[in-house]
N, C-alpha and C. Protein backbone atom coordinates (compact mmCIF):
# COMPACT_ATOMS: atom_id res chain seq x y z
N UNK A 1 0.85 -1.17 0.00
CA UNK A 1 0.00 0.00 0.00
C UNK A 1 0.89 1.23 0.00
N UNK A 2 0.63 2.15 -0.92
CA UNK A 2 1.46 3.34 -1.03
C UNK A 2 1.00 4.40 -0.04
N UNK A 3 1.96 5.03 0.63
CA UNK A 3 1.64 6.10 1.55
C UNK A 3 0.95 7.23 0.79
N UNK A 4 -0.10 7.83 1.36
CA UNK A 4 -0.77 8.93 0.66
C UNK A 4 0.19 10.06 0.30
N UNK A 5 1.15 10.36 1.16
CA UNK A 5 2.09 11.45 0.91
C UNK A 5 3.04 11.16 -0.24
N UNK A 6 3.13 9.89 -0.69
CA UNK A 6 4.03 9.51 -1.78
C UNK A 6 3.32 9.56 -3.13
N UNK A 7 2.04 9.85 -3.13
CA UNK A 7 1.30 9.93 -4.40
C UNK A 7 1.63 11.24 -5.09
N UNK A 8 1.50 11.26 -6.41
CA UNK A 8 1.79 12.48 -7.17
C UNK A 8 0.76 13.55 -6.82
N UNK A 9 1.07 14.79 -7.15
CA UNK A 9 0.16 15.90 -6.89
C UNK A 9 -1.19 15.68 -7.58
N UNK A 10 -1.16 15.11 -8.78
CA UNK A 10 -2.40 14.86 -9.50
C UNK A 10 -3.27 13.83 -8.79
N UNK A 11 -2.62 12.88 -8.12
CA UNK A 11 -3.35 11.82 -7.44
C UNK A 11 -3.90 12.29 -6.09
N UNK A 12 -3.27 13.27 -5.48
CA UNK A 12 -3.67 13.71 -4.16
C UNK A 12 -4.95 14.53 -4.23
N UNK A 13 -5.94 14.09 -3.50
CA UNK A 13 -7.22 14.79 -3.44
C UNK A 13 -7.45 15.32 -2.03
N UNK A 14 -6.82 14.74 -1.07
CA UNK A 14 -7.04 15.07 0.32
C UNK A 14 -6.28 16.34 0.71
N UNK A 15 -6.85 17.09 1.61
CA UNK A 15 -6.20 18.27 2.19
C UNK A 15 -5.66 17.84 3.55
N UNK A 16 -4.47 18.32 3.87
CA UNK A 16 -3.83 17.98 5.14
C UNK A 16 -3.55 19.24 5.93
N UNK A 17 -3.60 19.12 7.25
CA UNK A 17 -3.28 20.23 8.14
C UNK A 17 -2.43 19.68 9.28
N UNK A 18 -1.70 20.58 9.92
CA UNK A 18 -0.90 20.17 11.06
C UNK A 18 -1.81 19.99 12.28
N UNK A 19 -1.54 18.96 13.06
CA UNK A 19 -2.30 18.65 14.26
C UNK A 19 -1.69 19.43 15.42
N UNK A 20 -2.29 20.58 15.70
CA UNK A 20 -1.75 21.43 16.76
C UNK A 20 -0.31 21.79 16.49
N UNK A 21 0.52 21.68 17.50
CA UNK A 21 1.95 21.97 17.31
C UNK A 21 2.79 20.69 17.38
N UNK A 22 2.15 19.56 17.03
CA UNK A 22 2.84 18.27 17.09
C UNK A 22 3.78 18.03 15.91
N UNK A 23 3.58 18.76 14.83
CA UNK A 23 4.35 18.53 13.62
C UNK A 23 3.77 17.43 12.75
N UNK A 24 2.68 16.79 13.21
CA UNK A 24 2.03 15.74 12.44
C UNK A 24 1.07 16.35 11.43
N UNK A 25 1.14 15.89 10.19
CA UNK A 25 0.22 16.34 9.15
C UNK A 25 -0.88 15.30 9.02
N UNK A 26 -2.11 15.72 9.25
CA UNK A 26 -3.23 14.78 9.20
C UNK A 26 -4.26 15.25 8.19
N UNK A 27 -5.01 14.29 7.67
CA UNK A 27 -6.06 14.61 6.70
C UNK A 27 -7.18 15.38 7.40
N UNK A 28 -7.81 16.29 6.66
CA UNK A 28 -8.90 17.07 7.24
C UNK A 28 -10.14 16.20 7.48
N UNK A 29 -10.19 15.06 6.81
CA UNK A 29 -11.26 14.09 7.04
C UNK A 29 -10.66 12.93 7.81
N UNK A 30 -11.27 12.60 8.92
CA UNK A 30 -10.82 11.46 9.72
C UNK A 30 -11.83 10.34 9.65
N UNK A 31 -11.39 9.17 10.05
CA UNK A 31 -12.27 8.00 10.08
C UNK A 31 -12.42 7.58 11.53
N UNK A 32 -13.63 7.72 12.05
CA UNK A 32 -13.89 7.35 13.44
C UNK A 32 -14.70 6.07 13.50
N UNK A 33 -14.14 5.05 14.16
CA UNK A 33 -14.84 3.77 14.21
C UNK A 33 -14.25 2.90 15.30
N UNK A 34 -14.86 2.89 16.44
CA UNK A 34 -14.39 2.04 17.54
C UNK A 34 -14.63 0.57 17.25
N UNK A 35 -15.66 0.27 16.48
CA UNK A 35 -16.04 -1.13 16.27
C UNK A 35 -15.08 -1.92 15.39
N UNK A 36 -14.21 -1.23 14.67
CA UNK A 36 -13.27 -1.93 13.81
C UNK A 36 -12.47 -2.93 14.63
N UNK A 37 -12.48 -4.15 14.19
CA UNK A 37 -11.72 -5.20 14.88
C UNK A 37 -12.47 -5.87 16.01
N UNK A 38 -13.62 -5.35 16.38
CA UNK A 38 -14.37 -5.94 17.50
C UNK A 38 -15.42 -6.95 17.04
N UNK A 39 -15.65 -7.01 15.75
CA UNK A 39 -16.63 -7.95 15.20
C UNK A 39 -15.95 -8.79 14.11
N UNK A 40 -15.45 -9.98 14.48
CA UNK A 40 -14.73 -10.82 13.51
C UNK A 40 -15.55 -11.13 12.25
N UNK A 41 -16.87 -11.17 12.35
CA UNK A 41 -17.70 -11.47 11.20
C UNK A 41 -17.68 -10.34 10.18
N UNK A 42 -17.38 -9.14 10.61
CA UNK A 42 -17.39 -7.97 9.73
C UNK A 42 -15.98 -7.56 9.30
N UNK A 43 -14.99 -8.36 9.63
CA UNK A 43 -13.59 -8.00 9.38
C UNK A 43 -13.31 -7.70 7.90
N UNK A 44 -13.83 -8.50 7.00
CA UNK A 44 -13.56 -8.30 5.57
C UNK A 44 -14.12 -6.95 5.10
N UNK A 45 -15.35 -6.65 5.49
CA UNK A 45 -15.97 -5.37 5.10
C UNK A 45 -15.23 -4.19 5.75
N UNK A 46 -14.86 -4.33 7.01
CA UNK A 46 -14.12 -3.27 7.69
C UNK A 46 -12.78 -3.01 7.01
N UNK A 47 -12.11 -4.07 6.60
CA UNK A 47 -10.83 -3.94 5.92
C UNK A 47 -10.99 -3.18 4.60
N UNK A 48 -12.05 -3.47 3.86
CA UNK A 48 -12.31 -2.78 2.61
C UNK A 48 -12.55 -1.28 2.84
N UNK A 49 -13.29 -0.96 3.87
CA UNK A 49 -13.60 0.44 4.17
C UNK A 49 -12.34 1.20 4.55
N UNK A 50 -11.52 0.60 5.42
CA UNK A 50 -10.27 1.24 5.84
C UNK A 50 -9.33 1.40 4.66
N UNK A 51 -9.23 0.39 3.83
CA UNK A 51 -8.38 0.45 2.63
C UNK A 51 -8.83 1.59 1.72
N UNK A 52 -10.13 1.71 1.52
CA UNK A 52 -10.66 2.79 0.67
C UNK A 52 -10.31 4.15 1.25
N UNK A 53 -10.51 4.32 2.55
CA UNK A 53 -10.17 5.59 3.20
C UNK A 53 -8.69 5.92 3.00
N UNK A 54 -7.83 4.94 3.22
CA UNK A 54 -6.39 5.13 3.06
C UNK A 54 -6.05 5.55 1.62
N UNK A 55 -6.67 4.89 0.66
CA UNK A 55 -6.41 5.20 -0.74
C UNK A 55 -6.86 6.61 -1.11
N UNK A 56 -7.85 7.12 -0.41
CA UNK A 56 -8.34 8.48 -0.65
C UNK A 56 -7.50 9.52 0.08
N UNK A 57 -6.54 9.07 0.89
CA UNK A 57 -5.64 10.00 1.57
C UNK A 57 -5.92 10.19 3.04
N UNK A 58 -6.92 9.52 3.58
CA UNK A 58 -7.20 9.64 5.01
C UNK A 58 -6.05 9.00 5.78
N UNK A 59 -5.48 9.75 6.72
CA UNK A 59 -4.43 9.18 7.56
C UNK A 59 -4.71 9.45 9.04
N UNK A 60 -5.92 9.90 9.33
CA UNK A 60 -6.33 10.17 10.70
C UNK A 60 -7.46 9.20 11.06
N UNK A 61 -7.12 8.20 11.84
CA UNK A 61 -8.07 7.17 12.24
C UNK A 61 -8.29 7.25 13.73
N UNK A 62 -9.53 7.45 14.13
CA UNK A 62 -9.88 7.60 15.55
C UNK A 62 -10.67 6.37 15.98
N UNK A 63 -10.16 5.65 16.93
CA UNK A 63 -10.81 4.43 17.39
C UNK A 63 -11.28 4.54 18.84
N UNK A 64 -11.66 5.74 19.25
CA UNK A 64 -12.11 5.98 20.62
C UNK A 64 -13.34 5.12 20.94
N UNK A 65 -13.39 4.61 22.13
CA UNK A 65 -14.49 3.74 22.53
C UNK A 65 -15.85 4.44 22.53
N UNK A 66 -15.86 5.75 22.54
CA UNK A 66 -17.12 6.49 22.57
C UNK A 66 -18.00 6.17 21.36
N UNK A 67 -17.38 5.79 20.24
CA UNK A 67 -18.17 5.50 19.04
C UNK A 67 -19.09 4.30 19.24
N UNK A 68 -18.77 3.43 20.15
CA UNK A 68 -19.63 2.29 20.43
C UNK A 68 -20.95 2.67 21.08
N UNK A 69 -21.06 3.93 21.54
CA UNK A 69 -22.27 4.39 22.22
C UNK A 69 -23.13 5.27 21.33
N UNK A 70 -22.81 5.31 20.02
CA UNK A 70 -23.62 6.03 19.07
C UNK A 70 -23.27 7.48 18.96
């Protein structure tokens, strides 16, 4: 899997911003999903969704447990 930052300018669609003063550049769109990995029956579908997000340039994945509460 190619890092989003290694894609050509033409391929890059995502906008990135610095996360506070950490020096980390993160996508303006994040993927929040605590349930990823918690349901073995859905693993294949979850993998496809994460792969798609990564390919679109998302590099900010939030897996906080709060998402399990809706």
